[in-house]
Amino acid sequence: MDNLSKDRRDQARWFVLLAIMAAAIYLCWLMLLPFIGVLLWAGVLTVAFQPLYDRLSARTGKPELSAGLTCLLVVLIIGVPLGLISWAIVHELTPAISDMQGGIAQLLDPNAELTGPTVRWLGEHIDLERARAQANEQLGEAGSWLAGRTIGIVGGVLAVLVQTLFVLFVMYYLFRDGKQVREALSSVIPLRNRQTYELFMRTREVISASLYGVLVIAVIQGALGGVAFWALGLPSAIVWGFVMVFLSLIPMAGAFIVWVPAAIFLAVGGSWVKALLLTLWGSIVIGLVDNFLRPKLVGERAKLHELFIFFAVLGGLQVFGILGIVLGPVVLAIALALFAALRQSTPAEHPTTRLILPPDLRSPERPLAGLLTPTTSPPPSPPPVG
């Protein structure tokens, strides 16, 4: 009876301990919840710039100095250009809406030289005036909304700067103490050492493929498209260049969604030479960038089917925002890697280098260790003569 009471008291203590631990974990989650975005950005950028930190650390021999220099380079490489582009986009968004209204009116003009016959034929079957009015109304509402949001965007610069400082702060410690962080994660992941290593490497491969491959290609395509728009005199070249960058990040989409309608707009306006030049530039230069650079920068590192990447990117954008372009494929790759780890049938709980043979090949005269380690015993002596 005493043993039963003791067991019940022990169970009650464990229950209370688990309840307290669950409550503590929940409170920690609530405290970290406002900074989840900061931690995710810091983690992705740390993995992306880890090779640069390793080189600086090997040269300087000082982890603190190398971490600080790497964070400074991240600001110069990503922060400054992104800030300038954001400032330019904010100033060009409202004029871009007005230009789109003018383009739609010109495209639906029944007196246009190129589209006039088609528009007049469509006018006999549908109400084009109503369609034009609805399109202009929607674009006007979008322009008013963007104009109103401009003040909010400018006012939110301080919040963006504070979050950027938090990201750099976390990155500094992830660079400096990255080895300890990886060892701590390895100790809590219930996988064998090799499986944990493969999981970390898979995550690093997908992040590198997303940043160095997909993102670099998208930026190059968007820059080439923006330069073409500027050279041909098309309005809001920076805005449309940024749109081409975003569309190039999505599988099965691309910059052609922007430059093809732009070429049609130029042809409708009678600028046949410009339309032809934009078509050649988009199909040859912008198109070949993807075909030439993607195998070199991405290669087989992603190892994900395009359909999976498509839904991973769109779902990641829905869940994580702009960071989902990277985190969506990363989460999918981690899930597939964990699934592969669970499918492994090796029953050992720890990694082993022993060769496991079936029972019919084992010999009591020569144990298993003798098959793996070279023997140093002398060769048998010849039989005695006579």
Protein backbone atom coordinates (compact mmCIF):
# COMPACT_ATOMS: atom_id res chain seq x y z
CA MET A 1 0.00 0.00 0.00
CA ASP A 2 2.88 2.36 0.81
CA ASN A 3 4.49 1.66 -2.57
CA LEU A 4 1.22 2.45 -4.34
CA SER A 5 0.89 5.77 -2.50
CA LYS A 6 4.51 6.62 -3.32
CA ASP A 7 3.94 5.86 -7.00
CA ARG A 8 0.89 8.11 -7.04
CA ARG A 9 2.81 10.93 -5.36
CA ASP A 10 5.61 10.56 -7.94
CA GLN A 11 3.07 10.65 -10.76
CA ALA A 12 1.50 13.75 -9.26
CA ARG A 13 4.90 15.46 -9.03
CA TRP A 14 5.67 14.60 -12.65
CA PHE A 15 2.28 15.91 -13.72
CA VAL A 16 2.85 19.20 -11.89
CA LEU A 17 6.37 19.44 -13.33
CA LEU A 18 5.10 18.87 -16.88
CA ALA A 19 2.34 21.43 -16.38
CA ILE A 20 4.81 24.04 -15.13
CA MET A 21 7.19 23.28 -18.00
CA ALA A 22 4.37 23.60 -20.56
CA ALA A 23 3.31 26.91 -19.04
CA ALA A 24 6.91 28.18 -19.11
CA ILE A 25 7.34 27.15 -22.75
CA TYR A 26 4.06 28.85 -23.67
CA LEU A 27 5.11 32.07 -21.91
CA CYS A 28 8.47 31.96 -23.69
CA TRP A 29 6.64 31.57 -27.00
CA LEU A 30 4.46 34.60 -26.21
CA MET A 31 7.57 36.63 -25.41
CA LEU A 32 9.33 35.60 -28.63
CA LEU A 33 6.26 35.90 -30.85
CA PRO A 34 6.76 39.63 -31.63
CA PHE A 35 10.33 38.86 -32.74
CA ILE A 36 9.69 35.77 -34.88
CA GLY A 37 10.19 37.77 -38.07
CA VAL A 38 13.46 39.20 -36.76
CA LEU A 39 14.76 35.74 -35.83
CA LEU A 40 13.78 34.25 -39.19
CA TRP A 41 15.42 37.06 -41.18
CA ALA A 42 18.55 36.81 -39.05
CA GLY A 43 18.69 33.03 -39.50
CA VAL A 44 18.30 33.16 -43.27
CA LEU A 45 20.88 35.93 -43.72
CA THR A 46 23.30 34.18 -41.37
CA VAL A 47 23.15 30.98 -43.40
CA ALA A 48 23.52 32.95 -46.65
CA PHE A 49 26.58 34.92 -45.50
CA GLN A 50 28.21 32.17 -43.42
CA PRO A 51 30.91 31.53 -46.09
CA LEU A 52 31.87 35.21 -45.99
CA TYR A 53 32.14 35.11 -42.20
CA ASP A 54 34.27 31.96 -42.35
CA ARG A 55 36.73 33.65 -44.71
CA LEU A 56 36.97 36.77 -42.58
CA SER A 57 37.36 34.71 -39.41
CA ALA A 58 40.15 32.66 -41.00
CA ARG A 59 42.04 35.83 -41.92
CA THR A 60 41.51 37.89 -38.77
CA GLY A 61 41.39 35.09 -36.21
CA LYS A 62 38.91 37.19 -34.17
CA PRO A 63 35.29 35.98 -34.19
CA GLU A 64 33.93 39.25 -32.76
CA LEU A 65 35.61 41.42 -35.40
CA SER A 66 34.65 39.06 -38.21
CA ALA A 67 31.01 39.00 -37.08
CA GLY A 68 30.88 42.81 -36.97
CA LEU A 69 32.47 43.17 -40.41
CA THR A 70 30.09 40.61 -41.90
CA CYS A 71 27.06 42.46 -40.52
CA LEU A 72 28.42 45.71 -41.97
CA LEU A 73 28.85 44.07 -45.38
CA VAL A 74 25.28 42.74 -45.21
CA VAL A 75 24.05 46.31 -44.70
CA LEU A 76 26.11 47.58 -47.64
CA ILE A 77 25.19 44.71 -49.97
CA ILE A 78 21.48 44.41 -49.17
CA GLY A 79 20.30 47.22 -46.92
CA VAL A 80 21.47 50.30 -48.83
CA PRO A 81 20.32 49.19 -52.32
CA LEU A 82 17.00 47.94 -50.95
CA GLY A 83 16.39 51.25 -49.18
CA LEU A 84 17.10 53.27 -52.32
CA ILE A 85 14.87 51.06 -54.45
CA SER A 86 12.04 51.27 -51.91
CA TRP A 87 12.29 55.07 -51.87
CA ALA A 88 12.13 55.20 -55.67
CA ILE A 89 9.17 52.81 -55.82
CA VAL A 90 7.16 54.85 -53.33
CA HIS A 91 7.63 57.96 -55.49
CA GLU A 92 6.74 56.18 -58.75
CA LEU A 93 3.74 54.09 -57.73
CA THR A 94 1.09 56.80 -58.11
CA PRO A 95 2.32 57.97 -61.55
CA ALA A 96 2.42 54.32 -62.64
CA ILE A 97 -1.30 53.98 -61.89
CA SER A 98 -2.06 57.05 -64.03
CA ASP A 99 0.05 55.65 -66.86
CA MET A 100 -1.86 52.37 -66.70
CA GLN A 101 -5.16 54.25 -66.98
CA GLY A 102 -3.90 55.99 -70.10
CA GLY A 103 -2.66 52.70 -71.54
CA ILE A 104 -6.01 50.99 -71.02
CA ALA A 105 -7.83 53.91 -72.64
CA GLN A 106 -5.50 53.76 -75.63
CA LEU A 107 -5.83 49.97 -75.90
CA LEU A 108 -9.64 50.12 -75.89
CA ASP A 109 -9.84 53.05 -78.29
CA PRO A 110 -12.04 51.97 -81.27
CA ASN A 111 -10.15 54.42 -83.48
CA ALA A 112 -6.73 52.92 -82.76
CA GLU A 113 -4.85 51.76 -85.84
CA LEU A 114 -3.91 48.31 -84.54
CA THR A 115 -6.65 47.34 -82.08
CA GLY A 116 -9.46 49.47 -83.52
CA PRO A 117 -11.10 46.71 -85.62
CA THR A 118 -10.96 44.22 -82.76
CA VAL A 119 -12.33 46.77 -80.29
CA ARG A 120 -15.20 47.66 -82.62
CA TRP A 121 -16.03 43.98 -83.05
CA LEU A 122 -15.98 43.43 -79.28
CA GLY A 123 -18.15 46.53 -78.84
CA GLU A 124 -20.91 44.78 -80.73
CA HIS A 125 -21.02 41.96 -78.17
CA ILE A 126 -20.00 43.51 -74.84
CA ASP A 127 -20.27 46.92 -73.21
CA LEU A 128 -16.72 48.26 -73.61
CA GLU A 129 -17.56 51.65 -72.13
CA ARG A 130 -18.64 50.00 -68.92
CA ALA A 131 -15.53 47.80 -68.85
CA ARG A 132 -13.31 50.84 -69.43
CA ALA A 133 -15.09 52.79 -66.68
CA GLN A 134 -14.75 49.91 -64.22
CA ALA A 135 -11.04 49.49 -64.97
CA ASN A 136 -10.38 53.21 -64.55
CA GLU A 137 -12.40 53.23 -61.33
CA GLN A 138 -10.44 50.33 -59.88
CA LEU A 139 -7.12 51.90 -60.86
CA GLY A 140 -8.23 55.24 -59.43
CA GLU A 141 -9.10 53.62 -56.11
CA ALA A 142 -5.73 51.88 -56.10
CA GLY A 143 -3.98 55.19 -56.78
CA SER A 144 -5.85 56.91 -53.95
CA TRP A 145 -5.02 54.06 -51.60
CA LEU A 146 -1.35 54.20 -52.53
CA ALA A 147 -1.27 57.96 -52.12
CA GLY A 148 -2.76 57.59 -48.66
CA ARG A 149 -0.36 54.82 -47.76
CA THR A 150 2.69 56.86 -48.74
CA ILE A 151 2.51 58.86 -45.51
CA GLY A 152 2.19 55.63 -43.53
CA ILE A 153 5.17 54.13 -45.34
CA VAL A 154 7.32 57.17 -44.61
CA GLY A 155 6.16 57.13 -41.00
CA GLY A 156 7.04 53.44 -40.72
CA VAL A 157 10.66 54.00 -41.68
CA LEU A 158 11.61 54.27 -38.01
CA ALA A 159 10.00 50.90 -37.24
CA VAL A 160 11.85 49.33 -40.18
CA LEU A 161 15.15 50.74 -38.94
CA VAL A 162 14.53 49.37 -35.44
CA GLN A 163 13.74 45.92 -36.84
CA THR A 164 16.87 46.09 -39.00
CA LEU A 165 18.97 46.82 -35.93
CA PHE A 166 17.41 43.84 -34.15
CA VAL A 167 18.20 41.61 -37.14
CA LEU A 168 21.83 42.78 -37.19
CA PHE A 169 22.06 42.28 -33.42
CA VAL A 170 20.87 38.67 -33.69
CA MET A 171 23.07 38.05 -36.74
CA TYR A 172 26.15 39.18 -34.85
CA TYR A 173 25.66 36.55 -32.14
CA LEU A 174 24.65 33.85 -34.64
CA PHE A 175 27.89 34.47 -36.54
CA ARG A 176 30.04 34.59 -33.43
CA ASP A 177 28.42 31.70 -31.55
CA GLY A 178 27.12 29.73 -34.54
CA LYS A 179 29.00 26.57 -33.63
CA GLN A 180 27.52 26.47 -30.12
CA VAL A 181 24.03 27.11 -31.55
CA ARG A 182 24.37 24.22 -34.00
CA GLU A 183 25.63 21.90 -31.27
CA ALA A 184 22.70 22.88 -29.02
CA LEU A 185 20.21 22.21 -31.81
CA SER A 186 21.87 18.88 -32.57
CA SER A 187 21.52 17.80 -28.94
CA VAL A 188 17.75 18.39 -28.86
CA ILE A 189 16.88 16.96 -32.29
CA PRO A 190 15.90 13.29 -31.80
CA LEU A 191 17.88 12.04 -34.80
CA ARG A 192 21.17 10.27 -35.27
CA ASN A 193 24.25 12.38 -35.81
CA ARG A 194 24.42 11.71 -39.54
CA GLN A 195 20.73 12.45 -40.02
CA THR A 196 21.05 15.71 -38.10
CA TYR A 197 24.04 16.69 -40.23
CA GLU A 198 22.13 15.89 -43.42
CA LEU A 199 19.17 17.94 -42.19
CA PHE A 200 21.39 20.97 -41.52
CA MET A 201 23.12 20.60 -44.88
CA ARG A 202 19.79 20.25 -46.69
CA THR A 203 18.52 23.44 -45.07
CA ARG A 204 21.69 25.27 -46.02
CA GLU A 205 21.51 24.01 -49.61
CA VAL A 206 17.93 25.18 -50.10
CA ILE A 207 18.61 28.61 -48.56
CA SER A 208 21.72 29.01 -50.71
CA ALA A 209 19.84 27.91 -53.83
CA SER A 210 17.00 30.33 -53.06
CA LEU A 211 19.23 33.33 -52.35
CA TYR A 212 22.26 32.83 -54.57
CA GLY A 213 20.30 31.23 -57.39
CA VAL A 214 16.65 32.23 -57.61
CA LEU A 215 17.02 35.68 -56.06
CA VAL A 216 20.13 36.65 -58.04
CA ILE A 217 18.53 35.53 -61.30
CA ALA A 218 15.34 37.44 -60.49
CA VAL A 219 17.28 40.62 -59.67
CA ILE A 220 19.27 40.37 -62.91
CA GLN A 221 16.12 39.82 -64.98
CA GLY A 222 14.31 42.68 -63.26
CA ALA A 223 17.30 44.99 -63.73
CA LEU A 224 17.56 44.13 -67.43
CA GLY A 225 13.84 44.70 -67.87
CA GLY A 226 13.96 48.00 -66.00
CA VAL A 227 16.90 49.20 -68.11
CA ALA A 228 14.99 48.29 -71.28
CA PHE A 229 11.90 50.19 -70.09
CA TRP A 230 14.03 53.24 -69.27
CA ALA A 231 15.92 53.13 -72.59
CA LEU A 232 12.69 52.84 -74.59
CA GLY A 233 11.06 55.71 -72.74
CA LEU A 234 8.41 53.63 -70.97
CA PRO A 235 7.11 55.23 -67.75
CA SER A 236 7.82 53.99 -64.21
CA ALA A 237 10.76 51.81 -65.20
CA ILE A 238 11.81 51.20 -61.57
CA VAL A 239 8.35 50.03 -60.55
CA TRP A 240 8.02 47.63 -63.45
CA GLY A 241 11.57 46.39 -62.90
CA PHE A 242 10.66 45.55 -59.31
CA VAL A 243 7.47 43.81 -60.50
CA MET A 244 9.59 41.72 -62.89
CA VAL A 245 11.90 40.79 -60.00
CA PHE A 246 8.95 39.60 -57.95
CA LEU A 247 7.38 37.63 -60.82
CA SER A 248 10.73 36.01 -61.64
CA LEU A 249 10.87 34.64 -58.10
CA ILE A 250 7.70 32.61 -58.67
CA PRO A 251 8.11 29.36 -60.60
CA MET A 252 6.04 29.08 -63.78
CA ALA A 253 5.82 32.88 -63.91
CA GLY A 254 8.47 35.32 -65.07
CA ALA A 255 9.33 38.76 -66.36
CA PHE A 256 7.49 38.10 -69.64
CA ILE A 257 4.20 38.83 -67.82
CA VAL A 258 5.33 42.47 -67.76
CA TRP A 259 7.36 43.02 -70.92
CA VAL A 260 4.95 41.24 -73.30
CA PRO A 261 2.03 43.63 -72.49
CA ALA A 262 4.51 46.52 -72.65
CA ALA A 263 5.54 45.46 -76.17
CA ILE A 264 1.87 45.27 -77.17
CA PHE A 265 1.32 48.74 -75.70
CA LEU A 266 4.18 50.13 -77.79
CA ALA A 267 2.83 48.44 -80.92
CA VAL A 268 -0.65 49.84 -80.30
CA GLY A 269 0.86 53.30 -79.98
CA GLY A 270 2.56 52.93 -83.34
CA SER A 271 6.09 52.48 -81.95
CA TRP A 272 6.80 49.35 -83.97
CA VAL A 273 10.57 49.64 -83.71
CA LYS A 274 10.49 49.98 -79.94
CA ALA A 275 8.04 47.08 -79.68
CA LEU A 276 10.33 44.90 -81.79
CA LEU A 277 13.39 45.89 -79.75
CA LEU A 278 11.63 45.13 -76.47
CA THR A 279 10.44 41.78 -77.81
CA LEU A 280 13.94 40.80 -78.91
CA TRP A 281 15.48 42.02 -75.64
CA GLY A 282 12.94 40.15 -73.54
CA SER A 283 12.96 36.88 -75.46
CA ILE A 284 16.72 36.70 -76.08
CA VAL A 285 18.57 38.58 -73.33
CA ILE A 286 16.17 38.26 -70.38
CA GLY A 287 15.13 34.76 -71.37
CA LEU A 288 18.66 33.46 -71.83
CA VAL A 289 19.71 34.79 -68.43
CA ASP A 290 17.46 32.21 -66.79
CA ASN A 291 18.57 29.39 -69.09
CA PHE A 292 22.28 30.21 -68.71
CA LEU A 293 22.60 31.17 -65.05
CA ARG A 294 20.08 28.87 -63.36
CA PRO A 295 22.08 25.65 -63.94
CA LYS A 296 25.24 27.37 -62.66
CA LEU A 297 23.79 29.16 -59.62
CA VAL A 298 21.02 26.75 -58.64
CA GLY A 299 21.96 23.48 -60.31
CA GLU A 300 20.67 20.49 -58.39
CA ARG A 301 21.03 22.06 -54.96
CA ALA A 302 17.31 22.70 -54.50
CA LYS A 303 16.39 19.11 -55.51
CA LEU A 304 12.69 20.01 -55.47
CA HIS A 305 10.15 19.61 -58.22
CA GLU A 306 8.99 22.86 -59.80
CA LEU A 307 5.38 22.17 -58.86
CA PHE A 308 6.36 21.74 -55.20
CA ILE A 309 8.43 24.93 -55.33
CA PHE A 310 5.51 26.80 -56.91
CA PHE A 311 3.10 26.01 -54.08
CA ALA A 312 5.85 26.34 -51.45
CA VAL A 313 6.64 29.88 -52.60
CA LEU A 314 3.00 30.96 -52.81
CA GLY A 315 2.17 29.35 -49.47
CA GLY A 316 5.31 30.83 -47.91
CA LEU A 317 4.30 34.30 -49.09
CA GLN A 318 0.90 33.79 -47.48
CA VAL A 319 2.35 32.62 -44.15
CA PHE A 320 5.68 34.45 -43.80
CA GLY A 321 5.27 37.46 -46.10
CA ILE A 322 8.13 38.36 -48.44
CA LEU A 323 10.43 36.06 -46.45
CA GLY A 324 8.27 33.15 -47.58
CA ILE A 325 10.06 33.20 -50.95
CA VAL A 326 12.96 31.58 -49.09
CA LEU A 327 11.26 29.98 -46.09
CA GLY A 328 8.53 28.25 -48.11
CA PRO A 329 10.96 25.95 -49.99
CA VAL A 330 13.08 25.58 -46.83
CA VAL A 331 10.12 24.33 -44.76
CA LEU A 332 9.16 21.93 -47.55
CA ALA A 333 12.74 20.64 -47.82
CA ILE A 334 12.96 20.12 -44.05
CA ALA A 335 9.65 18.25 -44.03
CA LEU A 336 10.81 15.97 -46.86
CA ALA A 337 14.18 15.41 -45.13
CA LEU A 338 12.45 14.44 -41.86
CA PHE A 339 10.15 12.12 -43.78
CA ALA A 340 13.16 10.49 -45.41
CA ALA A 341 14.81 10.10 -42.00
CA LEU A 342 11.73 8.34 -40.63
CA ARG A 343 11.71 5.96 -43.58
CA GLN A 344 15.21 4.74 -42.85
CA SER A 345 15.04 1.22 -41.50
CA THR A 346 18.37 1.03 -39.63
CA PRO A 347 17.42 0.03 -36.08
CA ALA A 348 20.57 1.35 -34.42
CA GLU A 349 20.13 4.40 -32.20
CA HIS A 350 23.67 5.61 -32.75
CA PRO A 351 25.78 5.84 -35.89
CA THR A 352 27.99 2.80 -36.41
CA THR A 353 30.75 1.77 -38.76
CA ARG A 354 30.36 -1.93 -38.11
CA LEU A 355 29.58 -4.16 -41.03
CA ILE A 356 26.40 -6.11 -40.29
CA LEU A 357 26.41 -9.52 -41.95
CA PRO A 358 23.59 -12.05 -42.21
CA PRO A 359 23.86 -15.04 -39.83
CA ASP A 360 24.78 -17.53 -42.55
CA LEU A 361 27.96 -15.57 -43.39
CA ARG A 362 29.19 -15.29 -39.85
CA SER A 363 31.83 -17.74 -38.61
CA PRO A 364 32.66 -18.59 -35.00
CA GLU A 365 36.26 -19.21 -36.01
CA ARG A 366 36.60 -15.69 -37.44
CA PRO A 367 34.56 -13.10 -35.52
CA LEU A 368 33.08 -10.00 -37.08
CA ALA A 369 35.83 -7.76 -35.76
CA GLY A 370 38.36 -9.73 -37.76
CA LEU A 371 36.55 -8.80 -40.96
CA LEU A 372 36.89 -5.11 -40.25
CA THR A 373 40.33 -4.78 -38.68
CA PRO A 374 43.51 -6.03 -40.30
CA THR A 375 45.15 -8.85 -38.48
CA THR A 376 48.74 -8.57 -37.30
CA SER A 377 49.26 -12.23 -36.36
CA PRO A 378 52.11 -14.02 -38.18
CA PRO A 379 51.25 -16.47 -40.95
CA PRO A 380 50.88 -20.10 -39.91
CA SER A 381 54.13 -22.09 -39.75
CA PRO A 382 54.64 -24.95 -42.18
CA PRO A 383 54.06 -28.48 -40.90
CA PRO A 384 57.13 -30.25 -39.42
CA VAL A 385 59.14 -32.47 -41.73
CA GLY A 386 59.48 -36.13 -40.85
